[in-house]
N, C-alpha and C. Protein backbone atom coordinates (compact mmCIF):
# COMPACT_ATOMS: atom_id res chain seq x y z
N MET A 1 0.69 -1.25 0.28
CA MET A 1 -0.07 -0.22 -0.35
C MET A 1 0.80 1.33 0.27
N LYS A 2 1.07 2.23 -0.93
CA LYS A 2 1.20 3.63 -0.78
C LYS A 2 0.93 4.36 0.23
N LYS A 3 2.27 4.44 0.76
CA LYS A 3 1.60 6.00 1.56
C LYS A 3 1.96 7.88 0.92
N TYR A 4 0.54 8.80 1.24
CA TYR A 4 0.91 10.19 0.86
C TYR A 4 1.17 10.98 2.09
N ASN A 5 2.01 12.08 1.90
CA ASN A 5 2.51 12.64 3.07
C ASN A 5 0.67 13.84 2.95
N ILE A 6 1.00 14.25 4.30
CA ILE A 6 -0.21 14.90 4.23
C ILE A 6 0.37 15.82 4.72
N TYR A 7 -0.30 17.85 3.94
CA TYR A 7 0.50 19.59 4.18
C TYR A 7 -0.26 19.95 4.60
N ARG A 8 -0.28 19.26 5.65
CA ARG A 8 -1.55 20.41 7.38
C ARG A 8 -1.52 21.63 7.13
N GLY A 9 -0.45 22.42 6.43
CA GLY A 9 -0.21 24.08 6.30
C GLY A 9 -0.54 23.78 5.05
N ILE A 10 -1.33 23.56 3.83
CA ILE A 10 -1.30 24.43 2.61
C ILE A 10 -2.05 25.06 2.41
N ASP A 11 -3.64 25.46 3.00
CA ASP A 11 -4.46 26.01 3.57
C ASP A 11 -4.39 27.39 4.20
N ASN A 12 -3.24 27.92 5.15
CA ASN A 12 -3.25 29.28 5.39
C ASN A 12 -2.53 30.33 5.45
N GLU A 13 -2.93 31.21 5.19
CA GLU A 13 -2.73 32.23 4.19
C GLU A 13 -0.53 32.51 4.23
N ILE A 14 -0.76 33.11 3.25
CA ILE A 14 0.69 33.44 4.19
C ILE A 14 1.36 34.80 5.15
N GLU A 15 2.00 34.80 6.13
CA GLU A 15 3.25 35.78 6.76
C GLU A 15 4.34 35.59 6.48
N PHE A 16 4.74 37.11 6.85
CA PHE A 16 5.79 37.24 6.82
C PHE A 16 6.10 38.89 8.32
N LYS A 17 7.18 38.59 8.97
CA LYS A 17 7.02 39.49 9.15
C LYS A 17 5.97 40.55 10.49
N GLY A 18 4.67 39.56 10.62
CA GLY A 18 3.79 40.29 11.35
C GLY A 18 2.70 40.52 9.95
N LEU A 19 3.16 40.20 8.71
CA LEU A 19 1.91 41.02 7.97
C LEU A 19 1.11 39.40 6.99
N LYS A 20 -0.09 39.45 7.39
CA LYS A 20 -0.13 38.48 7.00
C LYS A 20 -1.84 39.14 5.45
N GLY A 21 -1.48 37.44 4.84
CA GLY A 21 -2.80 37.86 3.45
C GLY A 21 -2.29 38.68 2.92
N GLN A 22 -3.62 40.09 2.93
CA GLN A 22 -3.47 40.31 1.30
C GLN A 22 -2.58 42.14 2.15
N TYR A 23 -2.32 41.93 3.75
CA TYR A 23 -0.94 42.92 3.35
C TYR A 23 0.16 42.34 3.37
N PHE A 24 0.71 41.43 2.91
CA PHE A 24 1.80 40.96 2.68
C PHE A 24 2.43 41.51 0.73
N TYR A 25 0.76 40.50 0.57
CA TYR A 25 0.92 41.82 -1.22
C TYR A 25 1.22 43.02 -1.29
N TYR A 26 0.76 43.60 -0.85
CA TYR A 26 0.31 45.09 -0.62
C TYR A 26 1.89 45.76 -0.43
N ALA A 27 2.27 45.27 0.57
CA ALA A 27 3.97 45.58 0.92
C ALA A 27 4.63 45.02 -0.52
N ALA A 28 4.67 44.01 -0.83
CA ALA A 28 5.47 42.65 -1.44
C ALA A 28 5.35 43.99 -2.86
N GLY A 29 4.00 44.55 -3.46
CA GLY A 29 3.49 45.62 -4.29
C GLY A 29 4.41 47.58 -4.84
N GLY A 30 4.36 47.09 -2.87
CA GLY A 30 5.40 48.89 -2.93
C GLY A 30 6.29 48.75 -2.55
N ALA A 31 6.98 47.23 -2.33
CA ALA A 31 8.08 47.24 -3.17
C ALA A 31 8.90 47.18 -4.19
N GLY A 32 7.80 46.87 -4.83
CA GLY A 32 8.17 46.27 -6.15
C GLY A 32 7.87 47.88 -7.13
N CYS A 33 6.83 48.49 -7.13
CA CYS A 33 6.70 49.60 -7.72
C CYS A 33 7.70 50.74 -7.18
N SER A 34 8.62 50.72 -5.88
CA SER A 34 9.86 51.33 -4.78
C SER A 34 10.89 51.29 -6.75
N VAL A 35 11.28 49.93 -6.84
CA VAL A 35 12.64 49.28 -7.02
C VAL A 35 12.36 50.19 -8.55
N PHE A 36 10.93 49.78 -8.92
CA PHE A 36 11.05 49.95 -10.69
C PHE A 36 11.03 51.49 -11.34
N LEU A 37 10.01 52.40 -9.97
CA LEU A 37 10.80 54.09 -10.18
C LEU A 37 12.46 53.90 -9.99
N SER A 38 12.61 53.82 -8.98
CA SER A 38 13.88 53.63 -8.51
C SER A 38 15.20 53.71 -9.99
N LEU A 39 14.61 53.18 -10.70
CA LEU A 39 15.13 52.58 -11.56
C LEU A 39 15.20 53.36 -12.99
N ILE A 40 14.09 53.61 -13.09
CA ILE A 40 13.35 55.05 -13.95
C ILE A 40 13.97 55.96 -13.98
N PHE A 41 14.30 56.67 -12.11
CA PHE A 41 15.21 57.74 -12.15
C PHE A 41 16.29 57.76 -12.53
N HIS A 42 16.75 56.41 -11.82
CA HIS A 42 18.89 56.51 -12.44
C HIS A 42 18.28 56.51 -14.09
N MET A 43 17.71 55.92 -15.06
CA MET A 43 17.82 55.63 -16.08
C MET A 43 17.76 56.94 -16.81
N ILE A 44 16.49 58.57 -16.16
CA ILE A 44 16.11 59.41 -16.75
C ILE A 44 17.38 60.51 -16.44
N GLY A 45 18.30 59.74 -15.00
CA GLY A 45 19.71 61.02 -15.59
C GLY A 45 19.37 61.33 -14.13
N LEU A 46 18.63 60.94 -13.19
CA LEU A 46 18.90 61.61 -11.61
C LEU A 46 19.83 61.21 -11.08
N PRO A 47 20.63 61.97 -10.28
CA PRO A 47 22.13 61.23 -9.05
C PRO A 47 21.26 59.54 -8.50
N ILE A 48 22.52 58.67 -8.63
CA ILE A 48 21.90 57.77 -7.93
C ILE A 48 22.26 57.74 -6.12
N ILE A 49 22.53 58.63 -5.91
CA ILE A 49 21.82 59.32 -4.47
C ILE A 49 20.57 59.11 -3.99
N VAL A 50 19.91 60.17 -5.56
CA VAL A 50 18.45 60.73 -5.07
C VAL A 50 17.39 59.33 -5.77
N SER A 51 17.61 57.80 -6.35
CA SER A 51 17.38 56.91 -6.55
C SER A 51 17.70 56.41 -5.54
N LEU A 52 18.50 56.06 -4.63
CA LEU A 52 18.86 55.07 -3.42
C LEU A 52 17.78 55.46 -2.86
N VAL A 53 18.16 56.97 -2.32
CA VAL A 53 17.18 58.06 -1.45
C VAL A 53 15.22 57.55 -1.54
N PHE A 54 14.78 57.38 -2.54
CA PHE A 54 13.41 57.33 -2.70
C PHE A 54 13.55 55.59 -2.76
N LEU A 55 14.50 55.06 -2.71
CA LEU A 55 13.76 53.43 -3.05
C LEU A 55 14.09 52.97 -1.35
N LEU A 56 14.67 53.25 -0.06
CA LEU A 56 14.73 53.07 0.73
C LEU A 56 13.38 54.20 1.40
N ILE A 57 12.97 54.97 0.78
CA ILE A 57 11.90 56.03 1.40
C ILE A 57 10.53 55.22 1.05
N GLY A 58 10.52 54.42 -0.38
CA GLY A 58 9.21 53.27 -0.11
C GLY A 58 9.20 52.11 -0.22
N PHE A 59 10.46 51.68 0.57
CA PHE A 59 10.93 50.27 0.84
C PHE A 59 10.10 50.61 2.48
N SER A 60 10.46 51.83 3.20
CA SER A 60 9.53 51.79 4.08
C SER A 60 8.37 52.40 4.67
N ALA A 61 8.25 52.91 3.36
CA ALA A 61 7.04 54.03 3.42
C ALA A 61 6.07 52.17 3.29
N SER A 62 6.13 51.42 2.25
CA SER A 62 5.34 50.26 2.37
C SER A 62 4.84 49.50 3.18
N TYR A 63 6.21 49.28 4.06
CA TYR A 63 6.19 48.14 4.57
C TYR A 63 5.49 49.13 5.99
N PHE A 64 5.63 50.15 6.39
CA PHE A 64 5.40 51.07 7.63
C PHE A 64 3.53 50.65 7.90
N VAL A 65 2.97 51.20 6.61
CA VAL A 65 1.98 51.60 6.13
C VAL A 65 1.30 50.06 6.41
N THR A 66 1.57 49.25 5.72
CA THR A 66 0.93 48.31 5.70
C THR A 66 0.86 47.55 6.89
N THR A 67 1.57 47.63 7.86
CA THR A 67 1.83 46.84 9.06
C THR A 67 1.12 48.15 10.02
N HIS A 68 0.45 48.91 9.74
CA HIS A 68 -0.46 49.98 10.23
C HIS A 68 -1.79 49.42 9.98
N PHE A 69 -1.90 49.21 9.23
CA PHE A 69 -2.95 48.98 8.08
C PHE A 69 -3.66 46.93 9.29
N ASN A 70 -2.55 46.47 8.89
CA ASN A 70 -2.66 45.14 9.67
C ASN A 70 -3.15 44.81 11.10
N LYS A 71 -2.56 46.14 12.26
CA LYS A 71 -2.46 46.29 13.32
C LYS A 71 -4.29 46.98 13.73
N SER A 72 -4.16 47.49 12.73
CA SER A 72 -5.60 48.59 13.33
C SER A 72 -6.77 47.53 12.31
N HIS A 73 -7.08 47.25 10.62
CA HIS A 73 -8.14 46.53 10.34
C HIS A 73 -7.87 44.77 10.75
N GLY A 74 -7.50 44.48 10.63
CA GLY A 74 -7.49 43.15 11.24
C GLY A 74 -6.94 41.93 9.67
N LYS A 75 -7.43 40.87 9.96
CA LYS A 75 -7.53 40.11 8.93
C LYS A 75 -8.14 40.82 7.40
N TRP A 76 -10.03 40.89 8.29
CA TRP A 76 -9.98 40.95 6.71
C TRP A 76 -10.69 42.79 6.88
N GLY A 77 -9.82 43.22 7.31
CA GLY A 77 -10.37 45.43 6.92
C GLY A 77 -10.62 45.42 6.08
N PHE A 78 -9.85 45.68 5.07
CA PHE A 78 -9.79 46.08 3.73
C PHE A 78 -11.17 45.43 2.73
N ASN A 79 -11.56 44.27 2.92
CA ASN A 79 -12.96 43.95 2.22
C ASN A 79 -14.05 44.47 3.30
N LYS A 80 -13.77 44.76 3.97
CA LYS A 80 -14.72 45.62 5.24
C LYS A 80 -15.29 47.03 5.32
N LEU A 81 -14.50 47.39 4.74
CA LEU A 81 -14.89 48.90 4.48
C LEU A 81 -15.70 48.98 3.81
N PRO A 82 -15.57 48.72 2.81
CA PRO A 82 -17.22 49.27 2.37
C PRO A 82 -17.98 48.66 2.33
N VAL A 83 -17.86 47.76 3.25
CA VAL A 83 -19.66 47.60 3.76
C VAL A 83 -19.49 48.16 4.97
N ILE A 84 -18.68 48.90 5.83
CA ILE A 84 -19.41 49.70 6.91
C ILE A 84 -19.76 51.42 6.17
N SER A 85 -20.01 51.39 5.17
CA SER A 85 -20.67 52.12 4.36
C SER A 85 -21.78 52.30 4.36
N LEU A 86 -22.41 50.74 4.24
CA LEU A 86 -23.65 50.80 3.89
C LEU A 86 -24.67 50.82 4.78
N GLN A 87 -23.84 50.32 6.09
CA GLN A 87 -24.56 50.23 7.19
C GLN A 87 -25.56 51.43 7.44
N PRO A 88 -26.38 51.55 8.35
CA PRO A 88 -27.36 52.66 8.72
C PRO A 88 -26.92 53.37 10.15
N ARG A 89 -26.68 54.68 9.94
CA ARG A 89 -26.14 55.27 11.23
C ARG A 89 -27.18 55.16 12.42
N TYR A 90 -28.58 55.33 11.80
CA TYR A 90 -29.40 55.60 12.76
C TYR A 90 -30.17 54.46 12.65
N VAL A 91 -31.52 54.04 13.38
CA VAL A 91 -33.00 53.50 13.24
C VAL A 91 -33.69 54.34 13.91
N VAL A 92 -34.95 54.93 13.16
CA VAL A 92 -35.92 55.78 13.25
C VAL A 92 -37.05 54.73 13.22
N ARG A 93 -37.56 55.45 14.19
CA ARG A 93 -38.89 54.35 14.06
C ARG A 93 -39.67 55.81 14.71
N ARG A 94 -40.70 55.29 14.22
CA ARG A 94 -42.13 57.39 14.23
C ARG A 94 -43.03 56.54 14.85
N LYS A 95 -43.00 55.75 15.10
CA LYS A 95 -44.75 55.14 15.71
C LYS A 95 -44.17 54.86 17.23
N SER A 96 -45.37 55.66 17.79
CA SER A 96 -44.52 54.74 19.78
C SER A 96 -44.82 53.52 20.18
N ILE A 97 -44.81 53.32 20.77
CA ILE A 97 -44.62 52.04 21.83
C ILE A 97 -46.16 51.30 21.76
N ARG A 98 -46.82 52.59 22.04
CA ARG A 98 -47.81 51.92 22.22
C ARG A 98 -48.60 52.05 21.19
N ASN A 99 -48.29 52.55 19.69
CA ASN A 99 -49.48 51.72 18.80
C ASN A 99 -48.54 50.57 17.99
N ILE A 100 -47.25 50.23 18.24
CA ILE A 100 -46.62 49.35 18.21
C ILE A 100 -47.24 48.06 18.76
N VAL A 101 -47.74 48.10 19.97
CA VAL A 101 -47.83 47.05 20.79
C VAL A 101 -49.27 47.36 21.84
N LYS A 102 -50.28 46.16 21.67
CA LYS A 102 -50.91 46.69 21.99
C LYS A 102 -51.57 46.69 23.15
N VAL A 103 -51.84 47.22 24.18
CA VAL A 103 -52.21 46.86 25.50
C VAL A 103 -52.99 47.09 26.10
N ARG A 104 -53.56 45.74 26.78
CA ARG A 104 -55.14 45.65 26.82
C ARG A 104 -54.87 46.07 28.39
N THR A 105 -56.12 46.25 29.29
CA THR A 105 -56.12 46.97 30.60
C THR A 105 -56.81 46.33 30.87
N VAL A 106 -56.38 46.01 32.21
CA VAL A 106 -57.82 45.15 33.01
C VAL A 106 -58.67 45.63 34.37
N LYS A 107 -60.00 46.01 33.81
CA LYS A 107 -60.79 46.74 34.93
C LYS A 107 -60.51 46.07 35.81
N LYS A 108 -60.89 46.50 37.55
CA LYS A 108 -60.84 46.32 38.43
C LYS A 108 -62.20 46.02 38.50
N ILE A 109 -62.58 44.76 39.30
CA ILE A 109 -63.91 44.35 40.23
C ILE A 109 -64.03 45.04 41.62
């Protein structure tokens, strides 16, 4: 009989240095964009120090902004933000409770 290994962590979301799931991908995308833009700045002819400073600022901003969102919004934070705007701010009740609930009074004998 043939035996197969069971990979127990295959369905878990990705995590790296506290960034979970979608926030990891946002940080990676921000880092990739900052590398790409620093290369474009260098090809345009800006000094290398300006490109490196932009690269470091881009890396740090993408990491710290995504860790802030990860801590403040949680695992499903960005997915729940559009739903929050659809929730009602307050409930209006125009009828009094006496009209809603019929109360019968009992006569004392």
